PDB file of N, CA and C in Angstrom:
ATOM      1  N   MET A   1      80.985  72.131 131.678  1.00  0.00           N
ATOM      2  CA  MET A   1      81.714  73.397 131.731  1.00  0.00           C
ATOM      3  C   MET A   1      83.010  73.257 130.933  1.00  0.00           C
ATOM      4  N   THR A   2      83.331  74.242 130.153  1.00  0.00           N
ATOM      5  CA  THR A   2      84.554  74.197 129.342  1.00  0.00           C
ATOM      6  C   THR A   2      85.718  74.767 130.126  1.00  0.00           C
ATOM      7  N   ASP A   3      86.894  74.278 129.790  1.00  0.00           N
ATOM      8  CA  ASP A   3      88.113  74.807 130.405  1.00  0.00           C
ATOM      9  C   ASP A   3      88.539  76.032 129.630  1.00  0.00           C
ATOM     10  N   TYR A   4      88.661  77.121 130.332  1.00  0.00           N
ATOM     11  CA  TYR A   4      89.045  78.381 129.699  1.00  0.00           C
ATOM     12  C   TYR A   4      89.881  79.167 130.687  1.00  0.00           C
ATOM     13  N   ALA A   5      91.026  79.590 130.257  1.00  0.00           N
ATOM     14  CA  ALA A   5      91.887  80.366 131.135  1.00  0.00           C
ATOM     15  C   ALA A   5      92.571  81.473 130.341  1.00  0.00           C
ATOM     16  N   VAL A   6      92.755  82.584 130.991  1.00  0.00           N
ATOM     17  CA  VAL A   6      93.493  83.693 130.390  1.00  0.00           C
ATOM     18  C   VAL A   6      94.693  83.958 131.282  1.00  0.00           C
ATOM     19  N   SER A   7      95.867  83.879 130.693  1.00  0.00           N
ATOM     20  CA  SER A   7      97.082  84.172 131.427  1.00  0.00           C
ATOM     21  C   SER A   7      97.413  85.652 131.254  1.00  0.00           C
ATOM     22  N   LEU A   8      97.341  86.386 132.347  1.00  0.00           N
ATOM     23  CA  LEU A   8      97.663  87.812 132.258  1.00  0.00           C
ATOM     24  C   LEU A   8      99.124  88.019 131.902  1.00  0.00           C
ATOM     25  N   ASP A   9      99.982  87.112 132.316  1.00  0.00           N
ATOM     26  CA  ASP A   9     101.405  87.222 131.945  1.00  0.00           C
ATOM     27  C   ASP A   9     101.580  87.078 130.433  1.00  0.00           C
ATOM     28  N   GLU A  10     100.883  86.099 129.852  1.00  0.00           N
ATOM     29  CA  GLU A  10     100.980  85.908 128.402  1.00  0.00           C
ATOM     30  C   GLU A  10     100.336  87.073 127.654  1.00  0.00           C
ATOM     31  N   LEU A  11      99.259  87.605 128.196  1.00  0.00           N
ATOM     32  CA  LEU A  11      98.611  88.767 127.586  1.00  0.00           C
ATOM     33  C   LEU A  11      99.555  89.959 127.605  1.00  0.00           C
ATOM     34  N   THR A  12     100.287  90.114 128.691  1.00  0.00           N
ATOM     35  CA  THR A  12     101.275  91.200 128.801  1.00  0.00           C
ATOM     36  C   THR A  12     102.398  91.007 127.779  1.00  0.00           C
ATOM     37  N   LYS A  13     102.850  89.769 127.593  1.00  0.00           N
ATOM     38  CA  LYS A  13     103.880  89.487 126.586  1.00  0.00           C
ATOM     39  C   LYS A  13     103.373  89.855 125.192  1.00  0.00           C
ATOM     40  N   LEU A  14     102.113  89.514 124.932  1.00  0.00           N
ATOM     41  CA  LEU A  14     101.527  89.848 123.643  1.00  0.00           C
ATOM     42  C   LEU A  14     101.453  91.365 123.452  1.00  0.00           C
ATOM     43  N   LEU A  15     101.042  92.068 124.499  1.00  0.00           N
ATOM     44  CA  LEU A  15     100.995  93.540 124.449  1.00  0.00           C
ATOM     45  C   LEU A  15     102.374  94.104 124.122  1.00  0.00           C
ATOM     46  N   ASN A  16     103.397  93.598 124.771  1.00  0.00           N
ATOM     47  CA  ASN A  16     104.755  94.090 124.541  1.00  0.00           C
ATOM     48  C   ASN A  16     105.211  93.803 123.107  1.00  0.00           C
ATOM     49  N   GLY A  17     104.854  92.632 122.592  1.00  0.00           N
ATOM     50  CA  GLY A  17     105.213  92.278 121.216  1.00  0.00           C
ATOM     51  C   GLY A  17     104.542  93.184 120.200  1.00  0.00           C
ATOM     52  N   VAL A  18     103.272  93.490 120.432  1.00  0.00           N
ATOM     53  CA  VAL A  18     102.538  94.376 119.521  1.00  0.00           C
ATOM     54  C   VAL A  18     103.121  95.787 119.579  1.00  0.00           C
ATOM     55  N   ALA A  19     103.457  96.245 120.786  1.00  0.00           N
ATOM     56  CA  ALA A  19     104.061  97.573 120.924  1.00  0.00           C
ATOM     57  C   ALA A  19     105.402  97.638 120.188  1.00  0.00           C
ATOM     58  N   GLN A  20     106.174  96.556 120.284  1.00  0.00           N
ATOM     59  CA  GLN A  20     107.461  96.509 119.596  1.00  0.00           C
ATOM     60  C   GLN A  20     107.249  96.521 118.078  1.00  0.00           C
ATOM     61  N   SER A  21     106.227  95.822 117.602  1.00  0.00           N
ATOM     62  CA  SER A  21     105.923  95.831 116.169  1.00  0.00           C
ATOM     63  C   SER A  21     105.577  97.231 115.688  1.00  0.00           C
ATOM     64  N   SER A  22     104.786  97.927 116.482  1.00  0.00           N
ATOM     65  CA  SER A  22     104.410  99.301 116.134  1.00  0.00           C
ATOM     66  C   SER A  22     105.655 100.195 116.072  1.00  0.00           C
ATOM     67  N   ASP A  23     106.526 100.050 117.052  1.00  0.00           N
ATOM     68  CA  ASP A  23     107.763 100.842 117.053  1.00  0.00           C
ATOM     69  C   ASP A  23     108.623 100.520 115.836  1.00  0.00           C
ATOM     70  N   THR A  24     108.698  99.241 115.471  1.00  0.00           N
ATOM     71  CA  THR A  24     109.480  98.835 114.308  1.00  0.00           C
ATOM     72  C   THR A  24     108.914  99.443 113.031  1.00  0.00           C
ATOM     73  N   MET A  25     107.595  99.456 112.917  1.00  0.00           N
ATOM     74  CA  MET A  25     106.955 100.071 111.737  1.00  0.00           C
ATOM     75  C   MET A  25     107.262 101.565 111.677  1.00  0.00           C
ATOM     76  N   ARG A  26     107.206 102.244 112.811  1.00  0.00           N
ATOM     77  CA  ARG A  26     107.503 103.680 112.856  1.00  0.00           C
ATOM     78  C   ARG A  26     108.957 103.923 112.453  1.00  0.00           C
ATOM     79  N   THR A  27     109.873 103.117 112.970  1.00  0.00           N
ATOM     80  CA  THR A  27     111.292 103.264 112.639  1.00  0.00           C
ATOM     81  C   THR A  27     111.535 103.026 111.154  1.00  0.00           C
ATOM     82  N   ALA A  28     110.911 101.986 110.610  1.00  0.00           N
ATOM     83  CA  ALA A  28     111.080 101.687 109.177  1.00  0.00           C
ATOM     84  C   ALA A  28     110.557 102.837 108.321  1.00  0.00           C
ATOM     85  N   ALA A  29     109.403 103.368 108.682  1.00  0.00           N
ATOM     86  CA  ALA A  29     108.827 104.488 107.918  1.00  0.00           C
ATOM     87  C   ALA A  29     109.737 105.703 108.003  1.00  0.00           C
ATOM     88  N   ASP A  30     110.236 105.998 109.185  1.00  0.00           N
ATOM     89  CA  ASP A  30     111.131 107.152 109.358  1.00  0.00           C
ATOM     90  C   ASP A  30     112.420 106.980 108.563  1.00  0.00           C
ATOM     91  N   GLN A  31     112.990 105.776 108.582  1.00  0.00           N
ATOM     92  CA  GLN A  31     114.220 105.537 107.852  1.00  0.00           C
ATOM     93  C   GLN A  31     114.015 105.620 106.347  1.00  0.00           C
ATOM     94  N   MET A  32     112.876 105.131 105.879  1.00  0.00           N
ATOM     95  CA  MET A  32     112.592 105.230 104.439  1.00  0.00           C
ATOM     96  C   MET A  32     112.432 106.682 104.015  1.00  0.00           C
ATOM     97  N   LYS A  33     111.777 107.476 104.854  1.00  0.00           N
ATOM     98  CA  LYS A  33     111.568 108.890 104.516  1.00  0.00           C
ATOM     99  C   LYS A  33     112.873 109.655 104.452  1.00  0.00           C
ATOM    100  N   SER A  34     113.814 109.302 105.333  1.00  0.00           N
ATOM    101  CA  SER A  34     115.042 110.081 105.435  1.00  0.00           C
ATOM    102  C   SER A  34     116.174 109.592 104.540  1.00  0.00           C
ATOM    103  N   ALA A  35     116.020 108.429 103.891  1.00  0.00           N
ATOM    104  CA  ALA A  35     117.090 107.911 103.027  1.00  0.00           C
ATOM    105  C   ALA A  35     117.261 108.826 101.816  1.00  0.00           C
ATOM    106  N   GLN A  36     118.532 109.108 101.495  1.00  0.00           N
ATOM    107  CA  GLN A  36     118.849 109.995 100.378  1.00  0.00           C
ATOM    108  C   GLN A  36     119.835 109.314  99.439  1.00  0.00           C
ATOM    109  N   GLU A  37     120.080 109.953  98.307  1.00  0.00           N
ATOM    110  CA  GLU A  37     120.982 109.394  97.301  1.00  0.00           C
ATOM    111  C   GLU A  37     122.343 109.044  97.896  1.00  0.00           C
ATOM    112  N   ALA A  38     122.860 109.903  98.749  1.00  0.00           N
ATOM    113  CA  ALA A  38     124.169 109.651  99.355  1.00  0.00           C
ATOM    114  C   ALA A  38     124.145 108.372 100.191  1.00  0.00           C
ATOM    115  N   ASP A  39     122.997 108.068 100.787  1.00  0.00           N
ATOM    116  CA  ASP A  39     122.876 106.849 101.582  1.00  0.00           C
ATOM    117  C   ASP A  39     122.813 105.608 100.691  1.00  0.00           C
ATOM    118  N   LEU A  40     122.276 105.787  99.490  1.00  0.00           N
ATOM    119  CA  LEU A  40     122.009 104.654  98.624  1.00  0.00           C
ATOM    120  C   LEU A  40     123.120 104.408  97.614  1.00  0.00           C
ATOM    121  N   GLY A  41     123.861 105.425  97.259  1.00  0.00           N
ATOM    122  CA  GLY A  41     125.027 105.248  96.414  1.00  0.00           C
ATOM    123  C   GLY A  41     124.852 105.551  94.932  1.00  0.00           C
ATOM    124  N   HIS A  42     123.636 105.686  94.449  1.00  0.00           N
ATOM    125  CA  HIS A  42     123.464 105.931  93.021  1.00  0.00           C
ATOM    126  C   HIS A  42     122.130 106.630  92.788  1.00  0.00           C
ATOM    127  N   LYS A  43     122.134 107.563  91.821  1.00  0.00           N
ATOM    128  CA  LYS A  43     120.927 108.357  91.546  1.00  0.00           C
ATOM    129  C   LYS A  43     119.754 107.492  91.065  1.00  0.00           C
ATOM    130  N   LYS A  44     120.027 106.516  90.183  1.00  0.00           N
ATOM    131  CA  LYS A  44     118.956 105.639  89.712  1.00  0.00           C
ATOM    132  C   LYS A  44     118.377 104.803  90.859  1.00  0.00           C
ATOM    133  N   LEU A  45     119.243 104.374  91.731  1.00  0.00           N
ATOM    134  CA  LEU A  45     118.791 103.618  92.890  1.00  0.00           C
ATOM    135  C   LEU A  45     117.926 104.492  93.784  1.00  0.00           C
ATOM    136  N   ASP A  46     118.298 105.760  93.903  1.00  0.00           N
ATOM    137  CA  ASP A  46     117.493 106.690  94.694  1.00  0.00           C
ATOM    138  C   ASP A  46     116.084 106.817  94.112  1.00  0.00           C
ATOM    139  N   GLY A  47     115.981 106.872  92.769  1.00  0.00           N
ATOM    140  CA  GLY A  47     114.660 106.961  92.127  1.00  0.00           C
ATOM    141  C   GLY A  47     113.834 105.706  92.378  1.00  0.00           C
ATOM    142  N   ALA A  48     114.466 104.555  92.285  1.00  0.00           N
ATOM    143  CA  ALA A  48     113.768 103.300  92.543  1.00  0.00           C
ATOM    144  C   ALA A  48     113.326 103.237  94.005  1.00  0.00           C
ATOM    145  N   CYS A  49     114.182 103.693  94.881  1.00  0.00           N
ATOM    146  CA  CYS A  49     113.841 103.681  96.308  1.00  0.00           C
ATOM    147  C   CYS A  49     112.724 104.665  96.621  1.00  0.00           C
ATOM    148  N   GLU A  50     112.698 105.775  95.898  1.00  0.00           N
ATOM    149  CA  GLU A  50     111.612 106.740  96.105  1.00  0.00           C
ATOM    150  C   GLU A  50     110.275 106.120  95.720  1.00  0.00           C
ATOM    151  N   HIS A  51     110.275 105.380  94.612  1.00  0.00           N
ATOM    152  CA  HIS A  51     109.058 104.675  94.211  1.00  0.00           C
ATOM    153  C   HIS A  51     108.655 103.660  95.291  1.00  0.00           C
ATOM    154  N   PHE A  52     109.635 102.922  95.773  1.00  0.00           N
ATOM    155  CA  PHE A  52     109.379 101.936  96.836  1.00  0.00           C
ATOM    156  C   PHE A  52     108.828 102.634  98.082  1.00  0.00           C
ATOM    157  N   ARG A  53     109.445 103.757  98.451  1.00  0.00           N
ATOM    158  CA  ARG A  53     108.989 104.503  99.637  1.00  0.00           C
ATOM    159  C   ARG A  53     107.544 104.947  99.482  1.00  0.00           C
ATOM    160  N   SER A  54     107.208 105.461  98.317  1.00  0.00           N
ATOM    161  CA  SER A  54     105.846 105.952  98.133  1.00  0.00           C
ATOM    162  C   SER A  54     104.837 104.807  98.166  1.00  0.00           C
ATOM    163  N   GLU A  55     105.204 103.660  97.603  1.00  0.00           N
ATOM    164  CA  GLU A  55     104.302 102.518  97.595  1.00  0.00           C
ATOM    165  C   GLU A  55     104.187 101.865  98.971  1.00  0.00           C
ATOM    166  N   TRP A  56     105.314 101.640  99.615  1.00  0.00           N
ATOM    167  CA  TRP A  56     105.323 100.923 100.885  1.00  0.00           C
ATOM    168  C   TRP A  56     105.112 101.822 102.093  1.00  0.00           C
ATOM    169  N   GLY A  57     105.375 103.098 101.939  1.00  0.00           N
ATOM    170  CA  GLY A  57     105.201 104.021 103.065  1.00  0.00           C
ATOM    171  C   GLY A  57     103.780 103.995 103.593  1.00  0.00           C
ATOM    172  N   GLU A  58     102.821 104.001 102.685  1.00  0.00           N
ATOM    173  CA  GLU A  58     101.414 103.964 103.097  1.00  0.00           C
ATOM    174  C   GLU A  58     101.086 102.628 103.767  1.00  0.00           C
ATOM    175  N   GLY A  59     101.605 101.540 103.200  1.00  0.00           N
ATOM    176  CA  GLY A  59     101.365 100.219 103.797  1.00  0.00           C
ATOM    177  C   GLY A  59     101.945 100.100 105.190  1.00  0.00           C
ATOM    178  N   ILE A  60     103.145 100.614 105.371  1.00  0.00           N
ATOM    179  CA  ILE A  60     103.776 100.579 106.685  1.00  0.00           C
ATOM    180  C   ILE A  60     102.986 101.418 107.661  1.00  0.00           C
ATOM    181  N   SER A  61     102.513 102.568 107.213  1.00  0.00           N
ATOM    182  CA  SER A  61     101.691 103.418 108.081  1.00  0.00           C
ATOM    183  C   SER A  61     100.417 102.696 108.508  1.00  0.00           C
ATOM    184  N   LYS A  62      99.807 101.968 107.570  1.00  0.00           N
ATOM    185  CA  LYS A  62      98.590 101.205 107.895  1.00  0.00           C
ATOM    186  C   LYS A  62      98.892 100.075 108.877  1.00  0.00           C
ATOM    187  N   LEU A  63     100.037  99.401 108.677  1.00  0.00           N
ATOM    188  CA  LEU A  63     100.424  98.339 109.613  1.00  0.00           C
ATOM    189  C   LEU A  63     100.662  98.898 111.013  1.00  0.00           C
ATOM    190  N   LYS A  64     101.301 100.047 111.078  1.00  0.00           N
ATOM    191  CA  LYS A  64     101.555 100.675 112.373  1.00  0.00           C
ATOM    192  C   LYS A  64     100.235 101.046 113.045  1.00  0.00           C
ATOM    193  N   LYS A  65      99.305 101.606 112.289  1.00  0.00           N
ATOM    194  CA  LYS A  65      97.997 101.970 112.833  1.00  0.00           C
ATOM    195  C   LYS A  65      97.272 100.738 113.337  1.00  0.00           C
ATOM    196  N   ALA A  66      97.320  99.654 112.563  1.00  0.00           N
ATOM    197  CA  ALA A  66      96.674  98.408 112.986  1.00  0.00           C
ATOM    198  C   ALA A  66      97.309  97.882 114.273  1.00  0.00           C
ATOM    199  N   ALA A  67      98.636  97.922 114.345  1.00  0.00           N
ATOM    200  CA  ALA A  67      99.327  97.458 115.553  1.00  0.00           C
ATOM    201  C   ALA A  67      98.947  98.329 116.746  1.00  0.00           C
ATOM    202  N   ASP A  68      98.842  99.619 116.536  1.00  0.00           N
ATOM    203  CA  ASP A  68      98.431 100.526 117.613  1.00  0.00           C
ATOM    204  C   ASP A  68      97.004 100.210 118.071  1.00  0.00           C
ATOM    205  N   ASP A  69      96.109  99.949 117.130  1.00  0.00           N
ATOM    206  CA  ASP A  69      94.724  99.620 117.467  1.00  0.00           C
ATOM    207  C   ASP A  69      94.637  98.307 118.241  1.00  0.00           C
ATOM    208  N   VAL A  70      95.397  97.309 117.797  1.00  0.00           N
ATOM    209  CA  VAL A  70      95.417  96.017 118.498  1.00  0.00           C
ATOM    210  C   VAL A  70      95.975  96.207 119.911  1.00  0.00           C
ATOM    211  N   HIS A  71      97.031  96.987 120.020  1.00  0.00           N
ATOM    212  CA  HIS A  71      97.638  97.242 121.335  1.00  0.00           C
ATOM    213  C   HIS A  71      96.639  97.900 122.277  1.00  0.00           C
ATOM    214  N   GLU A  72      95.922  98.897 121.783  1.00  0.00           N
ATOM    215  CA  GLU A  72      94.932  99.597 122.597  1.00  0.00           C
ATOM    216  C   GLU A  72      93.823  98.629 123.061  1.00  0.00           C
ATOM    217  N   ALA A  73      93.348  97.792 122.144  1.00  0.00           N
ATOM    218  CA  ALA A  73      92.299  96.827 122.506  1.00  0.00           C
ATOM    219  C   ALA A  73      92.811  95.818 123.524  1.00  0.00           C
ATOM    220  N   LEU A  74      94.036  95.335 123.331  1.00  0.00           N
ATOM    221  CA  LEU A  74      94.609  94.363 124.267  1.00  0.00           C
ATOM    222  C   LEU A  74      94.811  94.972 125.658  1.00  0.00           C
ATOM    223  N   GLU A  75      95.181  96.246 125.702  1.00  0.00           N
ATOM    224  CA  GLU A  75      95.306  96.918 127.012  1.00  0.00           C
ATOM    225  C   GLU A  75      93.981  96.916 127.749  1.00  0.00           C
ATOM    226  N   LYS A  76      92.899  97.223 127.033  1.00  0.00           N
ATOM    227  CA  LYS A  76      91.570  97.236 127.656  1.00  0.00           C
ATOM    228  C   LYS A  76      91.168  95.833 128.115  1.00  0.00           C
ATOM    229  N   ILE A  77      91.417  94.850 127.271  1.00  0.00           N
ATOM    230  CA  ILE A  77      91.089  93.463 127.615  1.00  0.00           C
ATOM    231  C   ILE A  77      91.876  93.021 128.832  1.00  0.00           C
ATOM    232  N   SER A  78      93.170  93.313 128.838  1.00  0.00           N
ATOM    233  CA  SER A  78      94.019  92.938 129.958  1.00  0.00           C
ATOM    234  C   SER A  78      93.537  93.570 131.254  1.00  0.00           C
ATOM    235  N   LYS A  79      93.171  94.835 131.197  1.00  0.00           N
ATOM    236  CA  LYS A  79      92.673  95.529 132.389  1.00  0.00           C
ATOM    237  C   LYS A  79      91.384  94.890 132.877  1.00  0.00           C
ATOM    238  N   GLN A  80      90.486  94.572 131.947  1.00  0.00           N
ATOM    239  CA  GLN A  80      89.207  93.974 132.338  1.00  0.00           C
ATOM    240  C   GLN A  80      89.409  92.597 132.973  1.00  0.00           C
ATOM    241  N   TYR A  81      90.279  91.781 132.400  1.00  0.00           N
ATOM    242  CA  TYR A  81      90.559  90.471 133.002  1.00  0.00           C
ATOM    243  C   TYR A  81      91.216  90.633 134.365  1.00  0.00           C
ATOM    244  N   GLY A  82      92.145  91.561 134.470  1.00  0.00           N
ATOM    245  CA  GLY A  82      92.799  91.812 135.747  1.00  0.00           C
ATOM    246  C   GLY A  82      91.816  92.284 136.811  1.00  0.00           C
ATOM    247  N   ASP A  83      90.928  93.186 136.426  1.00  0.00           N
ATOM    248  CA  ASP A  83      89.908  93.677 137.350  1.00  0.00           C
ATOM    249  C   ASP A  83      88.975  92.544 137.785  1.00  0.00           C
ATOM    250  N   ALA A  84      88.552  91.718 136.821  1.00  0.00           N
ATOM    251  CA  ALA A  84      87.648  90.605 137.139  1.00  0.00           C
ATOM    252  C   ALA A  84      88.330  89.608 138.065  1.00  0.00           C
ATOM    253  N   GLU A  85      89.600  89.333 137.809  1.00  0.00           N
ATOM    254  CA  GLU A  85      90.352  88.414 138.663  1.00  0.00           C
ATOM    255  C   GLU A  85      90.464  88.959 140.077  1.00  0.00           C
ATOM    256  N   GLN A  86      90.718  90.227 140.204  1.00  0.00           N
ATOM    257  CA  GLN A  86      90.829  90.866 141.519  1.00  0.00           C
ATOM    258  C   GLN A  86      89.487  90.824 142.270  1.00  0.00           C
ATOM    259  N   MET A  87      88.404  91.093 141.566  1.00  0.00           N
ATOM    260  CA  MET A  87      87.081  91.058 142.190  1.00  0.00           C
ATOM    261  C   MET A  87      86.744  89.642 142.651  1.00  0.00           C
ATOM    262  N   LEU A  88      87.095  88.653 141.849  1.00  0.00           N
ATOM    263  CA  LEU A  88      86.833  87.259 142.221  1.00  0.00           C
ATOM    264  C   LEU A  88      87.648  86.881 143.451  1.00  0.00           C
ATOM    265  N   LYS A  89      88.906  87.275 143.515  1.00  0.00           N
ATOM    266  CA  LYS A  89      89.730  87.010 144.693  1.00  0.00           C
ATOM    267  C   LYS A  89      89.110  87.628 145.940  1.00  0.00           C
ATOM    268  N   GLN A  90      88.675  88.870 145.822  1.00  0.00           N
ATOM    269  CA  GLN A  90      88.066  89.548 146.959  1.00  0.00           C
ATOM    270  C   GLN A  90      86.794  88.850 147.406  1.00  0.00           C
ATOM    271  N   ALA A  91      85.974  88.432 146.457  1.00  0.00           N
ATOM    272  CA  ALA A  91      84.722  87.745 146.796  1.00  0.00           C
ATOM    273  C   ALA A  91      85.001  86.405 147.465  1.00  0.00           C
ATOM    274  N   LEU A  92      85.966  85.666 146.956  1.00  0.00           N
ATOM    275  CA  LEU A  92      86.299  84.373 147.557  1.00  0.00           C
ATOM    276  C   LEU A  92      86.907  84.536 148.938  1.00  0.00           C
ATOM    277  N   THR A  93      87.737  85.558 149.100  1.00  0.00           N
ATOM    278  CA  THR A  93      88.339  85.830 150.406  1.00  0.00           C
ATOM    279  C   THR A  93      87.245  86.203 151.407  1.00  0.00           C
ATOM    280  N   ALA A  94      86.324  87.043 151.005  1.00  0.00           N
ATOM    281  CA  ALA A  94      85.219  87.441 151.891  1.00  0.00           C
ATOM    282  C   ALA A  94      84.371  86.242 152.250  1.00  0.00           C
ATOM    283  N   GLN A  95      84.131  85.356 151.307  1.00  0.00           N
ATOM    284  CA  GLN A  95      83.319  84.185 151.548  1.00  0.00           C
ATOM    285  C   GLN A  95      84.025  83.243 152.525  1.00  0.00           C
ATOM    286  N   GLN A  96      85.334  83.087 152.379  1.00  0.00           N
ATOM    287  CA  GLN A  96      86.092  82.233 153.285  1.00  0.00           C
ATOM    288  C   GLN A  96      86.080  82.785 154.703  1.00  0.00           C
ATOM    289  N   LYS A  97      86.174  84.080 154.835  1.00  0.00           N
ATOM    290  CA  LYS A  97      86.170  84.713 156.151  1.00  0.00           C
ATOM    291  C   LYS A  97      84.817  84.537 156.849  1.00  0.00           C
ATOM    292  N   GLN A  98      83.761  84.424 156.047  1.00  0.00           N
ATOM    293  CA  GLN A  98      82.422  84.244 156.602  1.00  0.00           C
ATOM    294  C   GLN A  98      82.146  82.764 156.907  1.00  0.00           C
ATOM    295  N   GLY A  99      83.125  81.937 156.585  1.00  0.00           N
ATOM    296  CA  GLY A  99      82.978  80.513 156.877  1.00  0.00           C
ATOM    297  C   GLY A  99      82.252  79.749 155.817  1.00  0.00           C
ATOM    298  N   GLY A 100      82.131  80.329 154.632  1.00  0.00           N
ATOM    299  CA  GLY A 100      81.368  79.665 153.578  1.00  0.00           C
ATOM    300  C   GLY A 100      82.217  78.970 152.660  1.00  0.00           C
TER     301      GLY A 100
END
């Protein structure tokens, strides 16, 4: 038999980290969209930043979507492990009460 363990606490930490990554991607995308020449200081810089925004905006959106998808999958996995752990506890408790 192989040793295999899932730490629900560590899974929760991972979920929180992925959620934070998604939030960071959303914030970065929003800040890039709203940056204007006055924020950047020069018209040529604004043009370069617009090019950067158009190129990276899509990438950031894709990263955010991927982070959201990973977060959703991890939530389901965490729930399933938690449910399985709870069912196992109940079964073992019932077995102990029956003297087995």
